[in-house]
Protein backbone atom coordinates (compact mmCIF):
# COMPACT_ATOMS: atom_id res chain seq x y z
CA MET A 1 170.69 23.02 -108.44
CA ARG A 2 170.28 25.51 -105.60
CA LYS A 3 173.51 26.10 -103.75
CA TYR A 4 173.69 26.62 -100.02
CA CYS A 5 177.25 27.10 -98.81
CA ILE A 6 177.93 27.17 -95.09
CA ILE A 7 181.30 28.68 -94.26
CA LEU A 8 182.72 27.06 -91.16
CA SER A 9 183.55 30.12 -89.15
CA PHE A 10 181.80 30.35 -85.83
CA SER A 11 181.35 33.08 -83.27
CA LEU A 12 180.18 32.49 -79.73
CA TYR A 13 178.34 35.23 -77.90
CA LEU A 14 178.33 34.80 -74.11
CA TYR A 15 175.74 36.35 -71.81
CA SER A 16 175.82 37.23 -68.15
CA CYS A 17 172.92 34.85 -67.54
CA GLY A 18 175.14 31.94 -68.58
CA ARG A 19 173.32 30.99 -71.76
CA SER A 20 174.82 31.24 -75.20
CA ASN A 21 174.06 31.04 -78.88
CA THR A 22 176.12 30.15 -81.91
CA THR A 23 176.49 32.30 -85.01
CA GLN A 24 177.65 30.85 -88.32
CA GLU A 25 178.66 32.70 -91.47
CA VAL A 26 176.34 31.43 -94.22
CA GLU A 27 176.29 32.23 -97.94
CA ILE A 28 173.15 31.65 -100.02
CA VAL A 29 173.10 31.82 -103.81
CA ASN A 30 170.00 33.30 -105.43
CA PRO A 31 169.93 31.83 -108.97
CA ILE A 32 167.98 34.86 -110.16
CA ASP A 33 170.74 37.34 -111.14
CA ASN A 34 173.24 34.86 -109.66
CA VAL A 35 173.56 36.91 -106.47
CA THR A 36 175.38 35.54 -103.43
CA LEU A 37 173.98 36.71 -100.10
CA SER A 38 176.39 36.71 -97.19
CA GLY A 39 174.83 36.55 -93.76
CA SER A 40 174.78 35.28 -90.20
CA LEU A 41 172.79 32.29 -88.98
CA THR A 42 172.24 32.56 -85.23
CA LEU A 43 171.15 29.35 -83.51
CA PRO A 44 169.93 29.03 -79.93
CA LYS A 45 171.62 26.76 -77.43
CA GLY A 46 170.49 23.15 -77.71
CA SER A 47 169.77 20.65 -80.45
CA GLY A 48 166.42 22.05 -81.55
CA PRO A 49 164.26 21.97 -83.47
CA TYR A 50 163.25 25.59 -83.00
CA PRO A 51 161.37 28.21 -84.99
CA GLY A 52 163.38 30.42 -87.32
CA VAL A 53 163.10 33.88 -88.86
CA VAL A 54 164.71 35.71 -91.76
CA LEU A 55 165.30 39.36 -90.88
CA VAL A 56 164.51 41.69 -93.80
CA ALA A 57 166.02 45.17 -93.51
CA GLY A 58 164.58 48.58 -94.27
CA THR A 59 165.47 51.21 -96.84
CA GLY A 60 169.04 51.87 -97.91
CA LYS A 61 172.36 50.06 -98.10
CA MET A 62 171.77 48.02 -94.98
CA ASP A 63 174.23 45.41 -93.77
CA ARG A 64 173.12 42.24 -92.01
CA ASP A 65 172.93 44.00 -88.64
CA GLN A 66 170.86 46.88 -90.02
CA THR A 67 173.56 49.16 -88.64
CA PHE A 68 172.34 52.74 -88.31
CA GLU A 69 173.52 55.70 -86.24
CA GLY A 70 175.78 53.55 -84.06
CA HIS A 71 173.18 50.86 -83.37
CA LYS A 72 173.13 47.28 -84.71
CA PHE A 73 169.40 46.71 -84.64
CA PHE A 74 169.23 43.27 -86.20
CA LYS A 75 172.16 41.88 -84.22
CA VAL A 76 170.48 42.90 -80.97
CA LEU A 77 167.20 41.37 -82.12
CA ALA A 78 168.86 38.17 -83.37
CA ASP A 79 170.70 37.68 -80.07
CA TYR A 80 167.50 38.26 -78.09
CA LEU A 81 165.56 35.79 -80.21
CA ALA A 82 168.27 33.15 -79.82
CA GLU A 83 168.26 33.58 -76.05
CA ASN A 84 164.53 32.86 -76.25
CA GLY A 85 164.76 29.78 -78.43
CA ILE A 86 164.35 31.26 -81.93
CA ALA A 87 166.91 30.94 -84.72
CA SER A 88 167.46 33.71 -87.25
CA TYR A 89 169.25 34.48 -90.49
CA ARG A 90 170.21 38.05 -91.35
CA TYR A 91 172.17 39.06 -94.42
CA ASP A 92 173.89 41.95 -96.15
CA LYS A 93 171.63 43.30 -98.89
CA ARG A 94 172.79 42.53 -102.42
CA GLY A 95 175.68 44.84 -103.31
CA VAL A 96 176.34 45.62 -99.62
CA GLY A 97 179.05 44.25 -97.33
CA LYS A 98 180.07 40.75 -98.37
CA SER A 99 177.06 40.12 -100.63
CA SER A 100 177.48 40.26 -104.38
CA GLY A 101 175.21 42.03 -106.86
CA ASN A 102 174.40 45.64 -107.64
CA PHE A 103 172.49 47.54 -104.98
CA ASP A 104 171.89 50.64 -107.11
CA SER A 105 169.99 48.73 -109.80
CA ALA A 106 168.10 46.50 -107.36
CA THR A 107 164.30 46.71 -107.07
CA LEU A 108 161.81 45.54 -104.47
CA LYS A 109 161.17 42.45 -106.59
CA ALA A 110 164.89 41.68 -106.51
CA PHE A 111 165.02 42.16 -102.75
CA SER A 112 161.95 39.94 -102.29
CA SER A 113 163.57 37.25 -104.42
CA ASP A 114 166.64 37.37 -102.17
CA ALA A 115 164.46 37.15 -99.06
CA LEU A 116 162.59 34.14 -100.43
CA GLU A 117 165.83 32.25 -101.12
CA ALA A 118 166.98 33.01 -97.57
CA LEU A 119 163.73 31.62 -96.17
CA LYS A 120 163.96 28.49 -98.32
CA TYR A 121 167.44 27.91 -96.92
CA LEU A 122 166.26 28.39 -93.34
CA LYS A 123 163.33 26.00 -93.76
CA SER A 124 165.69 23.37 -95.17
CA HIS A 125 167.85 23.47 -92.04
CA SER A 126 167.59 20.34 -89.91
CA LYS A 127 167.20 22.33 -86.69
CA ILE A 128 164.32 24.53 -87.87
CA SER A 129 160.73 23.46 -87.21
CA TYR A 130 158.84 26.35 -88.85
CA ALA A 131 159.98 29.70 -90.20
CA GLY A 132 158.88 33.11 -91.41
CA PHE A 133 159.96 36.70 -91.90
CA ILE A 134 160.51 39.71 -89.69
CA GLY A 135 160.45 42.73 -91.99
CA HIS A 136 161.19 46.26 -90.84
CA SER A 137 159.99 49.38 -92.68
CA GLU A 138 160.69 48.75 -96.39
CA GLY A 139 161.29 45.17 -95.30
CA GLY A 140 157.64 45.19 -94.27
CA LYS A 141 156.82 45.47 -97.97
CA VAL A 142 159.59 43.19 -99.26
CA ALA A 143 158.72 40.30 -96.93
CA PRO A 144 155.01 40.16 -97.90
CA MET A 145 156.02 40.30 -101.59
CA ALA A 146 158.21 37.25 -100.99
CA THR A 147 155.26 35.26 -99.61
CA LEU A 148 152.94 35.72 -102.59
CA ASN A 149 152.12 32.72 -104.79
CA ASN A 150 154.01 30.23 -102.61
CA GLU A 151 153.54 28.29 -99.39
CA VAL A 152 157.04 28.76 -98.01
CA CYS A 153 156.35 31.35 -95.30
CA ASP A 154 154.70 30.20 -92.05
CA PHE A 155 154.31 33.65 -90.48
CA LEU A 156 155.07 37.35 -90.87
CA VAL A 157 156.16 39.93 -88.31
CA LEU A 158 155.83 43.40 -89.80
CA MET A 159 157.64 46.16 -87.92
CA ALA A 160 156.51 49.66 -88.94
CA PRO A 161 155.23 48.42 -92.31
CA PRO A 162 154.16 50.86 -95.05
CA GLY A 163 150.46 50.82 -95.85
CA LEU A 164 150.15 53.57 -98.45
CA PRO A 165 151.66 54.00 -101.94
CA SER A 166 155.28 55.10 -101.62
CA ASP A 167 154.81 58.69 -102.78
CA ARG A 168 152.15 59.26 -100.11
CA THR A 169 154.31 57.51 -97.49
CA LEU A 170 157.27 59.79 -98.26
CA LEU A 171 155.20 62.96 -98.49
CA ASN A 172 153.68 62.15 -95.10
CA MET A 173 157.19 61.56 -93.75
CA THR A 174 158.34 64.99 -94.94
CA GLU A 175 155.34 66.71 -93.39
CA ALA A 176 155.64 64.87 -90.07
CA GLU A 177 159.38 65.50 -89.80
CA LEU A 178 159.16 69.23 -90.53
CA ARG A 179 156.19 69.62 -88.20
CA ALA A 180 158.14 67.88 -85.40
CA LYS A 181 161.00 70.35 -86.02
CA GLY A 182 158.62 73.27 -85.57
CA VAL A 183 158.85 74.47 -89.17
CA GLU A 184 156.18 76.99 -90.18
CA HIS A 185 153.13 75.63 -92.01
CA GLY A 186 153.75 77.73 -95.14
CA VAL A 187 157.32 76.46 -95.46
CA ILE A 188 156.14 72.88 -95.03
CA GLN A 189 153.46 73.31 -97.67
CA LYS A 190 155.93 74.67 -100.20
CA GLN A 191 158.24 71.71 -99.62
CA ILE A 192 155.31 69.30 -100.01
CA ASP A 193 154.29 71.03 -103.26
CA ILE A 194 157.80 70.61 -104.69
CA GLU A 195 158.02 66.95 -103.66
CA THR A 196 154.56 66.26 -105.08
CA GLN A 197 155.79 67.56 -108.45
CA ILE A 198 158.89 65.39 -108.14
CA TRP A 199 156.84 62.24 -107.55
CA GLU A 200 154.70 63.07 -110.59
CA LEU A 201 157.86 63.16 -112.68
CA VAL A 202 158.94 59.79 -111.28
CA LYS A 203 155.51 58.24 -111.91
CA THR A 204 155.32 59.45 -115.50
CA GLY A 205 158.99 59.22 -116.52
CA ASP A 206 160.08 56.89 -119.31
CA ASN A 207 163.76 56.72 -118.48
CA ILE A 208 165.38 56.73 -115.05
CA ALA A 209 168.42 58.83 -116.09
CA GLN A 210 166.29 61.44 -117.88
CA THR A 211 163.87 61.56 -114.95
CA ARG A 212 166.75 62.18 -112.56
CA GLU A 213 167.87 65.15 -114.66
CA MET A 214 164.33 66.53 -114.71
CA VAL A 215 164.14 66.25 -110.92
CA LYS A 216 167.47 68.08 -110.58
CA ASP A 217 166.12 70.88 -112.78
CA LEU A 218 162.92 71.08 -110.73
CA ILE A 219 164.81 71.33 -107.47
CA SER A 220 167.11 74.01 -108.94
CA LEU A 221 164.14 76.07 -110.14
CA ASN A 222 162.60 75.94 -106.67
CA ILE A 223 165.81 76.37 -104.72
CA ASN A 224 164.48 79.25 -102.60
CA HIS A 225 161.59 77.14 -101.32
CA TYR A 226 163.38 73.82 -100.96
CA TYR A 227 163.75 73.42 -97.19
CA TYR A 228 166.49 70.80 -97.17
CA LEU A 229 168.89 73.07 -99.07
CA LYS A 230 168.36 76.22 -97.03
CA ASP A 231 171.67 76.00 -95.14
CA THR A 232 173.76 74.55 -97.96
CA LYS A 233 176.90 76.45 -98.94
CA LYS A 234 176.99 77.70 -102.52
CA GLU A 235 180.00 75.58 -103.45
CA GLU A 236 178.21 72.47 -102.17
CA LEU A 237 174.85 73.14 -103.78
CA ASP A 238 175.27 71.18 -107.01
CA ALA A 239 176.45 68.08 -105.15
CA LYS A 240 173.55 68.31 -102.70
CA ILE A 241 170.99 68.69 -105.51
CA GLU A 242 172.51 65.62 -107.19
CA GLN A 243 172.29 63.70 -103.92
CA ASP A 244 168.66 64.62 -103.34
CA ALA A 245 167.70 63.79 -106.94
CA ASN A 246 169.29 60.36 -106.51
CA TRP A 247 167.29 59.86 -103.31
CA PHE A 248 164.03 60.46 -105.17
CA VAL A 249 164.95 58.70 -108.41
CA ASN A 250 166.43 55.29 -107.70
CA SER A 251 165.65 51.79 -108.91
CA VAL A 252 163.25 51.00 -106.06
CA ASN A 253 161.25 54.22 -106.34
CA PHE A 254 161.20 54.07 -110.14
CA GLU A 255 159.89 50.48 -110.08
CA GLU A 256 157.28 51.28 -107.43
CA MET A 257 156.03 54.41 -109.14
CA GLN A 258 156.04 53.01 -112.67
CA ASN A 259 154.14 49.90 -111.60
CA TYR A 260 152.52 51.66 -108.67
CA ILE A 261 153.30 48.84 -106.27
CA ASP A 262 151.20 49.43 -103.18
CA SER A 263 150.26 47.42 -100.13
CA LYS A 264 147.06 45.81 -101.43
CA MET A 265 149.03 42.57 -101.43
CA LEU A 266 148.57 42.60 -97.64
CA SER A 267 144.99 41.47 -98.26
CA GLU A 268 146.31 38.42 -100.14
CA LEU A 269 148.60 36.94 -97.48
CA ASN A 270 148.25 33.26 -96.59
CA CYS A 271 149.97 33.11 -93.18
CA SER A 272 149.56 34.53 -89.67
CA VAL A 273 150.67 38.15 -89.20
CA PHE A 274 151.87 40.22 -86.25
CA ALA A 275 152.04 43.91 -87.22
CA ILE A 276 153.50 46.51 -84.85
CA THR A 277 154.44 50.17 -84.80
CA GLY A 278 155.41 53.01 -82.48
CA ASP A 279 153.15 56.02 -82.04
CA LYS A 280 156.11 58.38 -82.55
CA ASP A 281 157.07 56.94 -85.94
CA LEU A 282 157.87 59.89 -88.23
CA PHE A 283 159.11 57.74 -91.13
CA VAL A 284 156.18 55.41 -91.77
CA VAL A 285 153.92 57.89 -90.07
CA TYR A 286 151.50 56.70 -87.41
CA PRO A 287 148.48 56.39 -87.41
CA GLY A 288 147.57 56.68 -91.11
CA GLU A 289 149.96 54.04 -92.43
CA PHE A 290 149.22 51.52 -89.69
CA ASP A 291 145.48 51.98 -90.01
CA MET A 292 145.73 51.10 -93.70
CA VAL A 293 147.91 48.06 -92.97
CA ARG A 294 145.36 46.84 -90.44
CA THR A 295 142.44 47.43 -92.79
CA LEU A 296 144.09 45.50 -95.61
CA ILE A 297 145.20 42.55 -93.49
CA GLU A 298 141.91 42.25 -91.62
CA SER A 299 140.00 42.19 -94.91
CA ASN A 300 141.29 38.63 -95.28
CA SER A 301 139.26 36.54 -92.85
CA GLU A 302 141.23 33.40 -93.67
CA ILE A 303 144.35 34.36 -91.71
CA GLU A 304 144.99 35.19 -88.06
CA SER A 305 146.35 38.67 -87.40
CA THR A 306 147.51 40.60 -84.33
CA PHE A 307 148.27 44.31 -84.11
CA LYS A 308 149.99 46.39 -81.45
CA VAL A 309 150.97 50.05 -81.08
CA TYR A 310 153.75 50.97 -78.64
CA PRO A 311 153.49 54.39 -76.94
CA GLY A 312 156.60 56.57 -77.06
CA LEU A 313 158.55 54.49 -79.59
CA ASN A 314 160.10 55.77 -82.81
CA HIS A 315 160.42 54.11 -86.22
CA LEU A 316 163.28 51.97 -84.92
CA PHE A 317 161.35 50.92 -81.79
CA GLN A 318 163.40 52.97 -79.37
CA ASN A 319 161.92 55.01 -76.55
CA CYS A 320 162.29 58.62 -77.67
CA GLU A 321 161.22 62.21 -77.18
CA THR A 322 160.36 63.44 -80.70
CA GLY A 323 160.84 60.55 -83.12
CA LEU A 324 163.30 62.60 -85.20
CA ILE A 325 166.31 60.93 -86.81
CA GLU A 326 168.65 63.26 -84.91
CA GLU A 327 167.73 61.47 -81.67
CA VAL A 328 168.63 57.94 -82.75
CA SER A 329 172.39 58.07 -82.07
CA LYS A 330 171.78 59.69 -78.68
CA ILE A 331 169.47 56.95 -77.42
CA SER A 332 171.27 54.30 -75.37
CA GLU A 333 168.91 51.39 -76.04
CA THR A 334 168.92 49.80 -79.47
CA MET A 335 165.44 48.26 -79.32
CA ASP A 336 162.75 48.30 -76.66
CA SER A 337 162.76 45.05 -74.66
CA GLU A 338 158.96 44.76 -74.60
CA VAL A 339 158.90 44.76 -78.41
CA MET A 340 161.47 41.97 -78.61
CA ALA A 341 159.64 39.97 -75.92
CA ASP A 342 156.31 40.33 -77.72
CA ILE A 343 157.79 39.22 -81.04
CA SER A 344 159.44 36.23 -79.40
CA GLU A 345 156.32 35.11 -77.54
CA TRP A 346 154.07 35.55 -80.59
CA ILE A 347 156.34 33.41 -82.76
CA LYS A 348 156.68 30.65 -80.14
CA ASN A 349 152.93 30.54 -79.56
CA LEU A 350 152.19 29.81 -83.22
CA LYS A 351 152.90 26.07 -82.93
């Protein structure tokens, strides 16, 4: 029997406009791997029913707020949605924060299973009329995976979703980042050549631990041309090589490369989709990724789809100068208000 445990601890967020929303601590048990997800259910003022969304975070050990560089992206979005009549559930990834499970061994399939259980919970709530996902970055791959072969999801909002196989996405990210930093073309090309070899090792490796050692050896052999180690002190070099090897060879990347999970599933969706990106995204690089996402989704004539590109916004939907990660903590806004308004209006206009 599926277990949904609502912990009776409530937080009230007050706004200058006089409206409010209520946030409850909610635990959801995913029977697959027996993982307990700990998260926050934010309900708008009033008795409902209202639409609901599950927020699916991007890459890394993300907590329920998708906290990054001093910003709490999902908390800001959840509060905005609630003020506009939309409920949301956001949760710590498995193995992060208060959620149980092992993050390091988790795969995209595991994350999608967690997301699906969260959506099932939300749709079972007496105050929810219809519900879907908002997935950001890697979450823009996890959320669609969670919708396949079931009728649970009513809609998808994909924020900066990947459209290419992961190795191409990450190679494009490296090139775009170094170009934005003004790095010389020859230096960029050497870094791309090394990373291309690394991804070949990941795609053809039989064992994750052995592959990680092979990647460490490859980086060490190319140390003079590996851009990200150029300013590393000698006594810190081994630790930094280990760190970079772990970044390339982890459970998610190994699963994706071994099975070559790509975004063709976007052509198999069975619900309405709103896909958005910023034209200064240097992580899921615009326009190539977004063009592929649009092509795949629009190939399915049986669903309604809407696409929008926001000028001047980075991967996290902040107004920015360069799109580089170094800017994020220096930007005062957490998420552009037009983006949040568009998401809210699109969801409310569905039914």
